[in-house]
Amino acid sequence: MSEGGPQDNPQPQPLSQPQAQPRLFERVRLAIRGRHYSPRTEKAYLAWIRRYVVFHGKRHPDTLGVAEVTAYLAHLAIAGNVSASTQNQAFSAILFLYRDVLGRELAGLADTPRAKRPIRLPLVLARDEVQAVLRQLRGVPWLMCSLMYGSGLRLLECCRLRVKDVDFHRSEILIRDGKGRKDRLTVLPARLASPLHQHLERMERQHRRDLEGSAGYVALPDALARKYPSAPREWAWQWIFPATRVHTEVATGERRRHHLHESLLQRVFAAAVRAAGLSKPATCHTLRHSFATHLLETGYDIRTIQELLGHSDVSTTMIYTHVLNRGGRGVQSPLDLIP
């Protein structure tokens, strides 16, 4: 009988140790990032899930059910006195936790009615009021607020504009990853073409100095930095409105400039509204409302305005048609008919 080789007498292999499952909040974070949700959505969902867990004495959500979810949402509405949109955001976060993280379908939870958001008319500035506010601004804040009004940009969309997104020849601005991760085109006002071009020339000189000082990097979306290693230092990818300071990214060691923080522009705009003597509580988003309203008054159709604003549903854009119904749908008050 021949001697058996190693293959005839296999040695028993050690059992592999099961990998420890990540903690709950790390699982939530991984699930959100795997679906490419925005960083703001990630931050909001984690905060709501944490509050939900704390509300129920830090019990694991897997031990809770529909009754506990309903009790928490009721607490938000009654004791917390939160708005309908806030309550709906908390509901979405908890629904995401059970469906997409814990893999549980809570019977009856999907049918829970969402809080009805009140229909409110947007605050709009008249043309002379917009002009009065813009007169109080100088430099970069003036340029950014003029873009928000002249192009209908949201605040963060304006802050996150990159050099490559502006087409001077076609007088267009490309909005990348707007609300709902949608791209859209909007108009570049002819009046802003020259000041914006001059601003970009100054920023390009600053970028060259950053490159000479071993800086000049910028954050790129998704995995573009791995796909195009030289792109983070290319001029086309730089922010149009960069921050004044360079910071070092901890994960990569790159010396970058973040885009101008939105809170800075909010403070400057609020000061300009006060200096202009307006009694309206206008914000940066009011400029976007005014853009849509003034286009309607000029005679542009609702579908065109819908595309410029990036609304998925025309019913969202229809809110601006209130401006066409001046004085109670055009009715003359009987008081005005008394001699």
C-alpha atoms as a PDB file:
ATOM      1  CA  MET A   1       0.000   0.000   0.000  1.00  0.00           C
ATOM      2  CA  SER A   2       1.492   3.306  -0.989  1.00  0.00           C
ATOM      3  CA  GLU A   3       1.892   6.046   1.564  1.00  0.00           C
ATOM      4  CA  GLY A   4      -0.705   8.733   1.389  1.00  0.00           C
ATOM      5  CA  GLY A   5       0.449  12.242   0.495  1.00  0.00           C
ATOM      6  CA  PRO A   6      -0.719  15.507   1.976  1.00  0.00           C
ATOM      7  CA  GLN A   7      -3.785  15.507  -0.249  1.00  0.00           C
ATOM      8  CA  ASP A   8      -4.844  12.093   1.060  1.00  0.00           C
ATOM      9  CA  ASN A   9      -4.729  13.216   4.679  1.00  0.00           C
ATOM     10  CA  PRO A  10      -5.836  16.858   4.751  1.00  0.00           C
ATOM     11  CA  GLN A  11      -5.170  18.719   7.954  1.00  0.00           C
ATOM     12  CA  PRO A  12      -8.249  20.271   9.591  1.00  0.00           C
ATOM     13  CA  GLN A  13      -8.447  23.999   8.864  1.00  0.00           C
ATOM     14  CA  PRO A  14      -9.058  26.395  11.755  1.00  0.00           C
ATOM     15  CA  LEU A  15     -12.530  27.852  11.798  1.00  0.00           C
ATOM     16  CA  SER A  16     -12.611  31.461  10.679  1.00  0.00           C
ATOM     17  CA  GLN A  17     -13.730  33.859  13.346  1.00  0.00           C
ATOM     18  CA  PRO A  18     -16.971  35.674  12.516  1.00  0.00           C
ATOM     19  CA  GLN A  19     -16.430  39.360  11.928  1.00  0.00           C
ATOM     20  CA  ALA A  20     -17.937  41.636  14.497  1.00  0.00           C
ATOM     21  CA  GLN A  21     -20.900  43.565  13.138  1.00  0.00           C
ATOM     22  CA  PRO A  22     -20.433  47.355  13.107  1.00  0.00           C
ATOM     23  CA  ARG A  23     -22.214  49.350  15.753  1.00  0.00           C
ATOM     24  CA  LEU A  24     -25.660  50.703  14.953  1.00  0.00           C
ATOM     25  CA  PHE A  25     -24.707  54.254  14.013  1.00  0.00           C
ATOM     26  CA  GLU A  26     -21.818  53.047  11.877  1.00  0.00           C
ATOM     27  CA  ARG A  27     -24.250  50.770  10.042  1.00  0.00           C
ATOM     28  CA  VAL A  28     -26.563  53.727   9.472  1.00  0.00           C
ATOM     29  CA  ARG A  29     -23.672  55.803   8.166  1.00  0.00           C
ATOM     30  CA  LEU A  30     -22.550  53.055   5.781  1.00  0.00           C
ATOM     31  CA  ALA A  31     -26.103  52.537   4.493  1.00  0.00           C
ATOM     32  CA  ILE A  32     -26.520  56.254   3.810  1.00  0.00           C
ATOM     33  CA  ARG A  33     -23.201  56.583   2.022  1.00  0.00           C
ATOM     34  CA  GLY A  34     -23.876  53.439   0.018  1.00  0.00           C
ATOM     35  CA  ARG A  35     -26.950  55.172  -1.394  1.00  0.00           C
ATOM     36  CA  HIS A  36     -25.026  58.391  -2.114  1.00  0.00           C
ATOM     37  CA  TYR A  37     -27.196  60.574   0.080  1.00  0.00           C
ATOM     38  CA  SER A  38     -25.895  64.062   0.751  1.00  0.00           C
ATOM     39  CA  PRO A  39     -23.718  64.778   3.828  1.00  0.00           C
ATOM     40  CA  ARG A  40     -26.507  66.961   5.210  1.00  0.00           C
ATOM     41  CA  THR A  41     -28.989  64.098   4.957  1.00  0.00           C
ATOM     42  CA  GLU A  42     -26.507  61.838   6.740  1.00  0.00           C
ATOM     43  CA  LYS A  43     -26.069  64.339   9.548  1.00  0.00           C
ATOM     44  CA  ALA A  44     -29.837  64.875   9.933  1.00  0.00           C
ATOM     45  CA  TYR A  45     -30.727  61.167   9.864  1.00  0.00           C
ATOM     46  CA  LEU A  46     -28.066  60.261  12.430  1.00  0.00           C
ATOM     47  CA  ALA A  47     -29.267  63.041  14.724  1.00  0.00           C
ATOM     48  CA  TRP A  48     -32.905  61.940  14.543  1.00  0.00           C
ATOM     49  CA  ILE A  49     -32.075  58.265  15.099  1.00  0.00           C
ATOM     50  CA  ARG A  50     -29.926  59.193  18.099  1.00  0.00           C
ATOM     51  CA  ARG A  51     -32.788  61.231  19.591  1.00  0.00           C
ATOM     52  CA  TYR A  52     -35.199  58.352  18.978  1.00  0.00           C
ATOM     53  CA  VAL A  53     -32.901  55.927  20.823  1.00  0.00           C
ATOM     54  CA  VAL A  54     -32.402  58.324  23.748  1.00  0.00           C
ATOM     55  CA  PHE A  55     -36.159  58.995  23.978  1.00  0.00           C
ATOM     56  CA  HIS A  56     -36.735  55.278  24.603  1.00  0.00           C
ATOM     57  CA  GLY A  57     -34.085  54.939  27.288  1.00  0.00           C
ATOM     58  CA  LYS A  58     -31.260  53.962  24.929  1.00  0.00           C
ATOM     59  CA  ARG A  59     -32.920  50.672  24.050  1.00  0.00           C
ATOM     60  CA  HIS A  60     -31.803  49.125  20.788  1.00  0.00           C
ATOM     61  CA  PRO A  61     -34.277  50.009  17.981  1.00  0.00           C
ATOM     62  CA  ASP A  62     -34.554  46.305  17.121  1.00  0.00           C
ATOM     63  CA  THR A  63     -36.429  45.824  20.403  1.00  0.00           C
ATOM     64  CA  LEU A  64     -38.878  48.613  19.553  1.00  0.00           C
ATOM     65  CA  GLY A  65     -41.878  48.585  17.248  1.00  0.00           C
ATOM     66  CA  VAL A  66     -44.651  50.629  15.690  1.00  0.00           C
ATOM     67  CA  ALA A  67     -46.043  51.748  19.061  1.00  0.00           C
ATOM     68  CA  GLU A  68     -42.700  53.249  20.084  1.00  0.00           C
ATOM     69  CA  VAL A  69     -42.243  54.986  16.730  1.00  0.00           C
ATOM     70  CA  THR A  70     -45.740  56.466  16.911  1.00  0.00           C
ATOM     71  CA  ALA A  71     -45.160  57.602  20.495  1.00  0.00           C
ATOM     72  CA  TYR A  72     -41.949  59.377  19.505  1.00  0.00           C
ATOM     73  CA  LEU A  73     -43.550  61.172  16.542  1.00  0.00           C
ATOM     74  CA  ALA A  74     -46.444  62.251  18.762  1.00  0.00           C
ATOM     75  CA  HIS A  75     -43.954  63.554  21.332  1.00  0.00           C
ATOM     76  CA  LEU A  76     -42.281  65.679  18.646  1.00  0.00           C
ATOM     77  CA  ALA A  77     -45.584  67.192  17.563  1.00  0.00           C
ATOM     78  CA  ILE A  78     -47.077  67.778  21.034  1.00  0.00           C
ATOM     79  CA  ALA A  79     -44.217  68.330  23.490  1.00  0.00           C
ATOM     80  CA  GLY A  80     -41.612  69.415  20.970  1.00  0.00           C
ATOM     81  CA  ASN A  81     -44.061  71.563  18.983  1.00  0.00           C
ATOM     82  CA  VAL A  82     -41.999  70.948  15.848  1.00  0.00           C
ATOM     83  CA  SER A  83     -43.148  71.930  12.371  1.00  0.00           C
ATOM     84  CA  ALA A  84     -44.689  69.437   9.951  1.00  0.00           C
ATOM     85  CA  SER A  85     -41.544  69.347   7.802  1.00  0.00           C
ATOM     86  CA  THR A  86     -39.381  68.602  10.860  1.00  0.00           C
ATOM     87  CA  GLN A  87     -41.680  65.790  11.975  1.00  0.00           C
ATOM     88  CA  ASN A  88     -41.661  64.324   8.458  1.00  0.00           C
ATOM     89  CA  GLN A  89     -37.864  64.396   8.379  1.00  0.00           C
ATOM     90  CA  ALA A  90     -37.727  62.490  11.672  1.00  0.00           C
ATOM     91  CA  PHE A  91     -40.242  59.983  10.285  1.00  0.00           C
ATOM     92  CA  SER A  92     -38.113  59.473   7.147  1.00  0.00           C
ATOM     93  CA  ALA A  93     -34.992  58.889   9.253  1.00  0.00           C
ATOM     94  CA  ILE A  94     -36.692  56.254  11.420  1.00  0.00           C
ATOM     95  CA  LEU A  95     -38.259  54.595   8.374  1.00  0.00           C
ATOM     96  CA  PHE A  96     -34.788  54.422   6.796  1.00  0.00           C
ATOM     97  CA  LEU A  97     -33.373  52.889   9.989  1.00  0.00           C
ATOM     98  CA  TYR A  98     -35.842  50.016  10.028  1.00  0.00           C
ATOM     99  CA  ARG A  99     -36.111  49.335   6.307  1.00  0.00           C
ATOM    100  CA  ASP A 100     -32.573  49.859   5.055  1.00  0.00           C
ATOM    101  CA  VAL A 101     -30.398  49.246   8.123  1.00  0.00           C
ATOM    102  CA  LEU A 102     -32.204  46.750  10.341  1.00  0.00           C
ATOM    103  CA  GLY A 103     -33.997  45.050   7.450  1.00  0.00           C
ATOM    104  CA  ARG A 104     -37.348  45.174   9.207  1.00  0.00           C
ATOM    105  CA  GLU A 105     -40.683  46.105   7.699  1.00  0.00           C
ATOM    106  CA  LEU A 106     -42.817  47.357  10.570  1.00  0.00           C
ATOM    107  CA  ALA A 107     -46.414  46.468   9.760  1.00  0.00           C
ATOM    108  CA  GLY A 108     -48.496  49.610   9.714  1.00  0.00           C
ATOM    109  CA  LEU A 109     -45.593  52.032   9.873  1.00  0.00           C
ATOM    110  CA  ALA A 110     -45.538  52.722   6.137  1.00  0.00           C
ATOM    111  CA  ASP A 111     -49.232  53.643   6.319  1.00  0.00           C
ATOM    112  CA  THR A 112     -48.697  56.148   9.118  1.00  0.00           C
ATOM    113  CA  PRO A 113     -49.937  59.490   7.767  1.00  0.00           C
ATOM    114  CA  ARG A 114     -47.316  62.182   7.304  1.00  0.00           C
ATOM    115  CA  ALA A 115     -47.845  65.562   8.917  1.00  0.00           C
ATOM    116  CA  LYS A 116     -49.441  67.934   6.441  1.00  0.00           C
ATOM    117  CA  ARG A 117     -47.236  70.889   5.665  1.00  0.00           C
ATOM    118  CA  PRO A 118     -49.034  74.235   5.634  1.00  0.00           C
ATOM    119  CA  ILE A 119     -49.191  75.989   2.275  1.00  0.00           C
ATOM    120  CA  ARG A 120     -47.398  79.274   2.719  1.00  0.00           C
ATOM    121  CA  LEU A 121     -46.811  81.943   0.120  1.00  0.00           C
ATOM    122  CA  PRO A 122     -43.126  82.747  -0.385  1.00  0.00           C
ATOM    123  CA  LEU A 123     -41.735  86.076   0.765  1.00  0.00           C
ATOM    124  CA  VAL A 124     -40.848  88.163  -2.291  1.00  0.00           C
ATOM    125  CA  LEU A 125     -38.973  91.436  -2.619  1.00  0.00           C
ATOM    126  CA  ALA A 126     -40.005  94.066  -5.135  1.00  0.00           C
ATOM    127  CA  ARG A 127     -37.441  95.047  -7.741  1.00  0.00           C
ATOM    128  CA  ASP A 128     -36.578  98.297  -6.006  1.00  0.00           C
ATOM    129  CA  GLU A 129     -36.178  96.393  -2.701  1.00  0.00           C
ATOM    130  CA  VAL A 130     -33.747  93.948  -4.321  1.00  0.00           C
ATOM    131  CA  GLN A 131     -31.846  96.912  -5.704  1.00  0.00           C
ATOM    132  CA  ALA A 132     -31.768  98.588  -2.277  1.00  0.00           C
ATOM    133  CA  VAL A 133     -30.292  95.447  -0.664  1.00  0.00           C
ATOM    134  CA  LEU A 134     -27.690  94.897  -3.389  1.00  0.00           C
ATOM    135  CA  ARG A 135     -26.553  98.520  -3.015  1.00  0.00           C
ATOM    136  CA  GLN A 136     -25.504  97.708   0.549  1.00  0.00           C
ATOM    137  CA  LEU A 137     -23.170  94.920  -0.603  1.00  0.00           C
ATOM    138  CA  ARG A 138     -19.659  95.023  -2.022  1.00  0.00           C
ATOM    139  CA  GLY A 139     -17.181  92.587  -3.547  1.00  0.00           C
ATOM    140  CA  VAL A 140     -17.804  88.838  -3.355  1.00  0.00           C
ATOM    141  CA  PRO A 141     -21.055  89.063  -1.292  1.00  0.00           C
ATOM    142  CA  TRP A 142     -22.514  91.438  -3.892  1.00  0.00           C
ATOM    143  CA  LEU A 143     -21.540  89.086  -6.714  1.00  0.00           C
ATOM    144  CA  MET A 144     -22.963  86.011  -4.986  1.00  0.00           C
ATOM    145  CA  CYS A 145     -26.261  87.668  -4.029  1.00  0.00           C
ATOM    146  CA  SER A 146     -26.572  89.088  -7.550  1.00  0.00           C
ATOM    147  CA  LEU A 147     -26.147  85.551  -8.920  1.00  0.00           C
ATOM    148  CA  MET A 148     -28.763  84.144  -6.565  1.00  0.00           C
ATOM    149  CA  TYR A 149     -31.253  86.759  -7.717  1.00  0.00           C
ATOM    150  CA  GLY A 150     -30.209  86.869 -11.375  1.00  0.00           C
ATOM    151  CA  SER A 151     -29.972  83.085 -11.854  1.00  0.00           C
ATOM    152  CA  GLY A 152     -32.379  81.699  -9.253  1.00  0.00           C
ATOM    153  CA  LEU A 153     -29.679  79.835  -7.349  1.00  0.00           C
ATOM    154  CA  ARG A 154     -30.077  78.337  -3.913  1.00  0.00           C
ATOM    155  CA  LEU A 155     -27.531  79.491  -1.353  1.00  0.00           C
ATOM    156  CA  LEU A 156     -25.504  76.266  -1.334  1.00  0.00           C
ATOM    157  CA  GLU A 157     -25.681  75.992  -5.125  1.00  0.00           C
ATOM    158  CA  CYS A 158     -24.060  79.404  -5.347  1.00  0.00           C
ATOM    159  CA  CYS A 159     -21.376  78.554  -2.785  1.00  0.00           C
ATOM    160  CA  ARG A 160     -20.535  75.273  -4.560  1.00  0.00           C
ATOM    161  CA  LEU A 161     -20.148  76.637  -8.083  1.00  0.00           C
ATOM    162  CA  ARG A 162     -16.963  75.481  -9.803  1.00  0.00           C
ATOM    163  CA  VAL A 163     -15.050  77.253 -12.565  1.00  0.00           C
ATOM    164  CA  LYS A 164     -16.094  74.689 -15.175  1.00  0.00           C
ATOM    165  CA  ASP A 165     -19.801  75.256 -14.417  1.00  0.00           C
ATOM    166  CA  VAL A 166     -19.954  78.720 -16.016  1.00  0.00           C
ATOM    167  CA  ASP A 167     -20.253  79.044 -19.794  1.00  0.00           C
ATOM    168  CA  PHE A 168     -19.704  82.673 -20.776  1.00  0.00           C
ATOM    169  CA  HIS A 169     -20.260  82.004 -24.496  1.00  0.00           C
ATOM    170  CA  ARG A 170     -23.712  80.483 -23.979  1.00  0.00           C
ATOM    171  CA  SER A 171     -24.547  82.694 -20.974  1.00  0.00           C
ATOM    172  CA  GLU A 172     -25.383  79.599 -18.937  1.00  0.00           C
ATOM    173  CA  ILE A 173     -24.622  78.202 -15.505  1.00  0.00           C
ATOM    174  CA  LEU A 174     -24.649  74.455 -14.945  1.00  0.00           C
ATOM    175  CA  ILE A 175     -25.856  73.464 -11.474  1.00  0.00           C
ATOM    176  CA  ARG A 176     -24.345  70.119 -10.482  1.00  0.00           C
ATOM    177  CA  ASP A 177     -25.909  67.960  -7.784  1.00  0.00           C
ATOM    178  CA  GLY A 178     -28.610  70.425  -6.856  1.00  0.00           C
ATOM    179  CA  LYS A 179     -31.433  69.546  -4.499  1.00  0.00           C
ATOM    180  CA  GLY A 180     -32.309  65.890  -5.023  1.00  0.00           C
ATOM    181  CA  ARG A 181     -28.922  65.362  -6.741  1.00  0.00           C
ATOM    182  CA  LYS A 182     -30.264  66.808  -9.989  1.00  0.00           C
ATOM    183  CA  ASP A 183     -28.343  68.768 -12.617  1.00  0.00           C
ATOM    184  CA  ARG A 184     -29.901  71.725 -14.412  1.00  0.00           C
ATOM    185  CA  LEU A 185     -29.041  74.736 -16.547  1.00  0.00           C
ATOM    186  CA  THR A 186     -29.932  78.291 -15.673  1.00  0.00           C
ATOM    187  CA  VAL A 187     -29.213  81.705 -17.101  1.00  0.00           C
ATOM    188  CA  LEU A 188     -26.041  83.744 -16.511  1.00  0.00           C
ATOM    189  CA  PRO A 189     -27.128  87.404 -16.353  1.00  0.00           C
ATOM    190  CA  ALA A 190     -25.351  89.479 -19.011  1.00  0.00           C
ATOM    191  CA  ARG A 191     -24.780  92.221 -16.425  1.00  0.00           C
ATOM    192  CA  LEU A 192     -22.710  89.826 -14.289  1.00  0.00           C
ATOM    193  CA  ALA A 193     -20.521  88.439 -17.086  1.00  0.00           C
ATOM    194  CA  SER A 194     -17.815  91.103 -16.747  1.00  0.00           C
ATOM    195  CA  PRO A 195     -17.627  91.261 -12.918  1.00  0.00           C
ATOM    196  CA  LEU A 196     -17.650  87.459 -12.714  1.00  0.00           C
ATOM    197  CA  HIS A 197     -14.881  87.201 -15.314  1.00  0.00           C
ATOM    198  CA  GLN A 198     -12.761  89.713 -13.365  1.00  0.00           C
ATOM    199  CA  HIS A 199     -13.385  87.799 -10.147  1.00  0.00           C
ATOM    200  CA  LEU A 200     -12.254  84.550 -11.793  1.00  0.00           C
ATOM    201  CA  GLU A 201      -9.046  86.187 -12.983  1.00  0.00           C
ATOM    202  CA  ARG A 202      -8.249  87.179  -9.386  1.00  0.00           C
ATOM    203  CA  MET A 203      -9.081  83.705  -8.118  1.00  0.00           C
ATOM    204  CA  GLU A 204      -6.900  82.090 -10.796  1.00  0.00           C
ATOM    205  CA  ARG A 205      -3.913  84.174  -9.670  1.00  0.00           C
ATOM    206  CA  GLN A 206      -4.614  83.077  -6.088  1.00  0.00           C
ATOM    207  CA  HIS A 207      -4.793  79.451  -7.242  1.00  0.00           C
ATOM    208  CA  ARG A 208      -1.393  79.734  -8.929  1.00  0.00           C
ATOM    209  CA  ARG A 209       0.100  81.038  -5.677  1.00  0.00           C
ATOM    210  CA  ASP A 210      -1.477  78.100  -3.831  1.00  0.00           C
ATOM    211  CA  LEU A 211       0.097  75.664  -6.297  1.00  0.00           C
ATOM    212  CA  GLU A 212       3.500  77.246  -5.770  1.00  0.00           C
ATOM    213  CA  GLY A 213       3.054  76.768  -2.026  1.00  0.00           C
ATOM    214  CA  SER A 214       2.242  73.029  -2.282  1.00  0.00           C
ATOM    215  CA  ALA A 215      -1.476  73.708  -1.896  1.00  0.00           C
ATOM    216  CA  GLY A 216      -4.190  74.259  -4.505  1.00  0.00           C
ATOM    217  CA  TYR A 217      -6.185  71.071  -3.855  1.00  0.00           C
ATOM    218  CA  VAL A 218      -9.985  70.958  -3.861  1.00  0.00           C
ATOM    219  CA  ALA A 219     -12.478  68.305  -2.765  1.00  0.00           C
ATOM    220  CA  LEU A 220     -14.038  66.354  -5.641  1.00  0.00           C
ATOM    221  CA  PRO A 221     -17.365  64.497  -5.683  1.00  0.00           C
ATOM    222  CA  ASP A 222     -17.595  60.714  -5.389  1.00  0.00           C
ATOM    223  CA  ALA A 223     -14.412  58.909  -6.561  1.00  0.00           C
ATOM    224  CA  LEU A 224     -13.276  61.403  -9.190  1.00  0.00           C
ATOM    225  CA  ALA A 225     -10.026  62.100  -7.321  1.00  0.00           C
ATOM    226  CA  ARG A 226      -9.017  58.428  -7.717  1.00  0.00           C
ATOM    227  CA  LYS A 227     -10.095  58.332 -11.337  1.00  0.00           C
ATOM    228  CA  TYR A 228      -8.360  61.598 -12.256  1.00  0.00           C
ATOM    229  CA  PRO A 229      -5.470  62.074  -9.793  1.00  0.00           C
ATOM    230  CA  SER A 230      -4.463  65.467 -11.216  1.00  0.00           C
ATOM    231  CA  ALA A 231      -8.000  66.917 -11.191  1.00  0.00           C
ATOM    232  CA  PRO A 232      -7.984  68.186  -7.549  1.00  0.00           C
ATOM    233  CA  ARG A 233      -5.338  70.790  -8.482  1.00  0.00           C
ATOM    234  CA  GLU A 234      -6.718  71.747 -11.897  1.00  0.00           C
ATOM    235  CA  TRP A 235      -8.183  75.225 -12.290  1.00  0.00           C
ATOM    236  CA  ALA A 236     -11.439  73.995 -13.865  1.00  0.00           C
ATOM    237  CA  TRP A 237     -12.415  72.097 -10.691  1.00  0.00           C
ATOM    238  CA  GLN A 238     -11.742  74.926  -8.239  1.00  0.00           C
ATOM    239  CA  TRP A 239     -14.513  76.706  -6.345  1.00  0.00           C
ATOM    240  CA  ILE A 240     -15.539  80.034  -7.856  1.00  0.00           C
ATOM    241  CA  PHE A 241     -15.977  81.419  -4.350  1.00  0.00           C
ATOM    242  CA  PRO A 242     -13.219  79.803  -2.260  1.00  0.00           C
ATOM    243  CA  ALA A 243     -12.592  80.382   1.417  1.00  0.00           C
ATOM    244  CA  THR A 244      -9.951  82.877   2.443  1.00  0.00           C
ATOM    245  CA  ARG A 245      -7.919  80.289   4.374  1.00  0.00           C
ATOM    246  CA  VAL A 246      -6.172  77.077   3.366  1.00  0.00           C
ATOM    247  CA  HIS A 247      -6.730  74.019   5.558  1.00  0.00           C
ATOM    248  CA  THR A 248      -5.099  70.583   5.686  1.00  0.00           C
ATOM    249  CA  GLU A 249      -7.384  67.626   5.008  1.00  0.00           C
ATOM    250  CA  VAL A 250      -6.757  65.068   7.760  1.00  0.00           C
ATOM    251  CA  ALA A 251      -7.474  61.967   5.658  1.00  0.00           C
ATOM    252  CA  THR A 252      -5.208  62.868   2.728  1.00  0.00           C
ATOM    253  CA  GLY A 253      -2.833  65.517   4.037  1.00  0.00           C
ATOM    254  CA  GLU A 254      -3.790  67.771   1.105  1.00  0.00           C
ATOM    255  CA  ARG A 255      -3.792  71.530   1.611  1.00  0.00           C
ATOM    256  CA  ARG A 256      -7.166  72.646   0.329  1.00  0.00           C
ATOM    257  CA  ARG A 257      -9.509  75.580   0.151  1.00  0.00           C
ATOM    258  CA  HIS A 258     -13.119  74.902   1.064  1.00  0.00           C
ATOM    259  CA  HIS A 259     -15.818  76.966  -0.624  1.00  0.00           C
ATOM    260  CA  LEU A 260     -17.003  80.092   1.158  1.00  0.00           C
ATOM    261  CA  HIS A 261     -19.208  79.042   4.052  1.00  0.00           C
ATOM    262  CA  GLU A 262     -22.888  79.805   3.595  1.00  0.00           C
ATOM    263  CA  SER A 263     -23.267  81.220   7.121  1.00  0.00           C
ATOM    264  CA  LEU A 264     -20.934  84.088   6.238  1.00  0.00           C
ATOM    265  CA  LEU A 265     -23.125  85.156   3.327  1.00  0.00           C
ATOM    266  CA  GLN A 266     -26.260  84.783   5.441  1.00  0.00           C
ATOM    267  CA  ARG A 267     -24.876  87.200   8.045  1.00  0.00           C
ATOM    268  CA  VAL A 268     -23.772  89.728   5.436  1.00  0.00           C
ATOM    269  CA  PHE A 269     -27.132  89.576   3.655  1.00  0.00           C
ATOM    270  CA  ALA A 270     -29.072  90.042   6.911  1.00  0.00           C
ATOM    271  CA  ALA A 271     -26.988  93.135   7.665  1.00  0.00           C
ATOM    272  CA  ALA A 272     -27.674  94.482   4.159  1.00  0.00           C
ATOM    273  CA  VAL A 273     -31.436  94.007   4.621  1.00  0.00           C
ATOM    274  CA  ARG A 274     -31.314  95.996   7.853  1.00  0.00           C
ATOM    275  CA  ALA A 275     -29.153  98.699   6.287  1.00  0.00           C
ATOM    276  CA  ALA A 276     -31.596  98.995   3.377  1.00  0.00           C
ATOM    277  CA  GLY A 277     -34.388  99.726   5.855  1.00  0.00           C
ATOM    278  CA  LEU A 278     -36.610  96.824   4.792  1.00  0.00           C
ATOM    279  CA  SER A 279     -39.291  95.632   7.179  1.00  0.00           C
ATOM    280  CA  LYS A 280     -39.499  92.202   5.500  1.00  0.00           C
ATOM    281  CA  PRO A 281     -37.597  89.280   7.111  1.00  0.00           C
ATOM    282  CA  ALA A 282     -35.766  88.538   3.868  1.00  0.00           C
ATOM    283  CA  THR A 283     -33.080  85.852   3.625  1.00  0.00           C
ATOM    284  CA  CYS A 284     -30.762  84.700   0.865  1.00  0.00           C
ATOM    285  CA  HIS A 285     -33.475  82.280  -0.317  1.00  0.00           C
ATOM    286  CA  THR A 286     -35.808  85.256  -0.780  1.00  0.00           C
ATOM    287  CA  LEU A 287     -33.663  86.225  -3.768  1.00  0.00           C
ATOM    288  CA  ARG A 288     -34.559  82.914  -5.447  1.00  0.00           C
ATOM    289  CA  HIS A 289     -38.268  83.500  -4.746  1.00  0.00           C
ATOM    290  CA  SER A 290     -37.953  87.001  -6.185  1.00  0.00           C
ATOM    291  CA  PHE A 291     -36.209  85.636  -9.308  1.00  0.00           C
ATOM    292  CA  ALA A 292     -39.138  83.318 -10.067  1.00  0.00           C
ATOM    293  CA  THR A 293     -41.805  85.893  -9.236  1.00  0.00           C
ATOM    294  CA  HIS A 294     -40.275  88.639 -11.362  1.00  0.00           C
ATOM    295  CA  LEU A 295     -39.922  86.263 -14.321  1.00  0.00           C
ATOM    296  CA  LEU A 296     -43.634  85.462 -14.046  1.00  0.00           C
ATOM    297  CA  GLU A 297     -44.475  89.149 -13.906  1.00  0.00           C
ATOM    298  CA  THR A 298     -42.384  89.699 -17.037  1.00  0.00           C
ATOM    299  CA  GLY A 299     -44.456  87.114 -18.901  1.00  0.00           C
ATOM    300  CA  TYR A 300     -42.331  83.937 -18.948  1.00  0.00           C
ATOM    301  CA  ASP A 301     -44.291  80.698 -18.894  1.00  0.00           C
ATOM    302  CA  ILE A 302     -44.416  78.457 -15.830  1.00  0.00           C
ATOM    303  CA  ARG A 303     -42.624  75.536 -17.529  1.00  0.00           C
ATOM    304  CA  THR A 304     -39.580  77.649 -18.348  1.00  0.00           C
ATOM    305  CA  ILE A 305     -39.394  78.890 -14.773  1.00  0.00           C
ATOM    306  CA  GLN A 306     -39.800  75.320 -13.512  1.00  0.00           C
ATOM    307  CA  GLU A 307     -36.729  74.221 -15.511  1.00  0.00           C
ATOM    308  CA  LEU A 308     -34.642  77.181 -14.358  1.00  0.00           C
ATOM    309  CA  LEU A 309     -35.514  76.493 -10.716  1.00  0.00           C
ATOM    310  CA  GLY A 310     -35.029  72.725 -11.037  1.00  0.00           C
ATOM    311  CA  HIS A 311     -38.448  71.748  -9.661  1.00  0.00           C
ATOM    312  CA  SER A 312     -39.476  68.144 -10.345  1.00  0.00           C
ATOM    313  CA  ASP A 313     -43.169  68.970 -10.165  1.00  0.00           C
ATOM    314  CA  VAL A 314     -44.731  72.035 -11.764  1.00  0.00           C
ATOM    315  CA  SER A 315     -47.100  72.281  -8.785  1.00  0.00           C
ATOM    316  CA  THR A 316     -44.112  73.441  -6.725  1.00  0.00           C
ATOM    317  CA  THR A 317     -43.501  76.262  -9.190  1.00  0.00           C
ATOM    318  CA  MET A 318     -47.194  77.187  -9.279  1.00  0.00           C
ATOM    319  CA  ILE A 319     -46.849  78.715  -5.809  1.00  0.00           C
ATOM    320  CA  TYR A 320     -45.359  81.788  -7.495  1.00  0.00           C
ATOM    321  CA  THR A 321     -48.504  82.459  -9.521  1.00  0.00           C
ATOM    322  CA  HIS A 322     -49.940  84.252  -6.496  1.00  0.00           C
ATOM    323  CA  VAL A 323     -48.271  87.415  -7.807  1.00  0.00           C
ATOM    324  CA  LEU A 324     -50.623  87.400 -10.791  1.00  0.00           C
ATOM    325  CA  ASN A 325     -53.615  87.576  -8.446  1.00  0.00           C
ATOM    326  CA  ARG A 326     -53.049  91.055  -7.119  1.00  0.00           C
ATOM    327  CA  GLY A 327     -55.537  92.400  -4.610  1.00  0.00           C
ATOM    328  CA  GLY A 328     -57.588  89.262  -4.031  1.00  0.00           C
ATOM    329  CA  ARG A 329     -57.581  87.896  -7.600  1.00  0.00           C
ATOM    330  CA  GLY A 330     -57.927  91.341  -9.113  1.00  0.00           C
ATOM    331  CA  VAL A 331     -61.117  92.239  -7.215  1.00  0.00           C
ATOM    332  CA  GLN A 332     -61.539  95.915  -6.392  1.00  0.00           C
ATOM    333  CA  SER A 333     -62.486  96.466  -2.757  1.00  0.00           C
ATOM    334  CA  PRO A 334     -65.874  98.119  -2.227  1.00  0.00           C
ATOM    335  CA  LEU A 335     -64.191 100.492   0.190  1.00  0.00           C
ATOM    336  CA  ASP A 336     -62.222 101.940  -2.719  1.00  0.00           C
ATOM    337  CA  LEU A 337     -65.511 102.690  -4.557  1.00  0.00           C
ATOM    338  CA  ILE A 338     -66.829 104.993  -1.815  1.00  0.00           C
ATOM    339  CA  PRO A 339     -66.378 108.652  -2.833  1.00  0.00           C
END
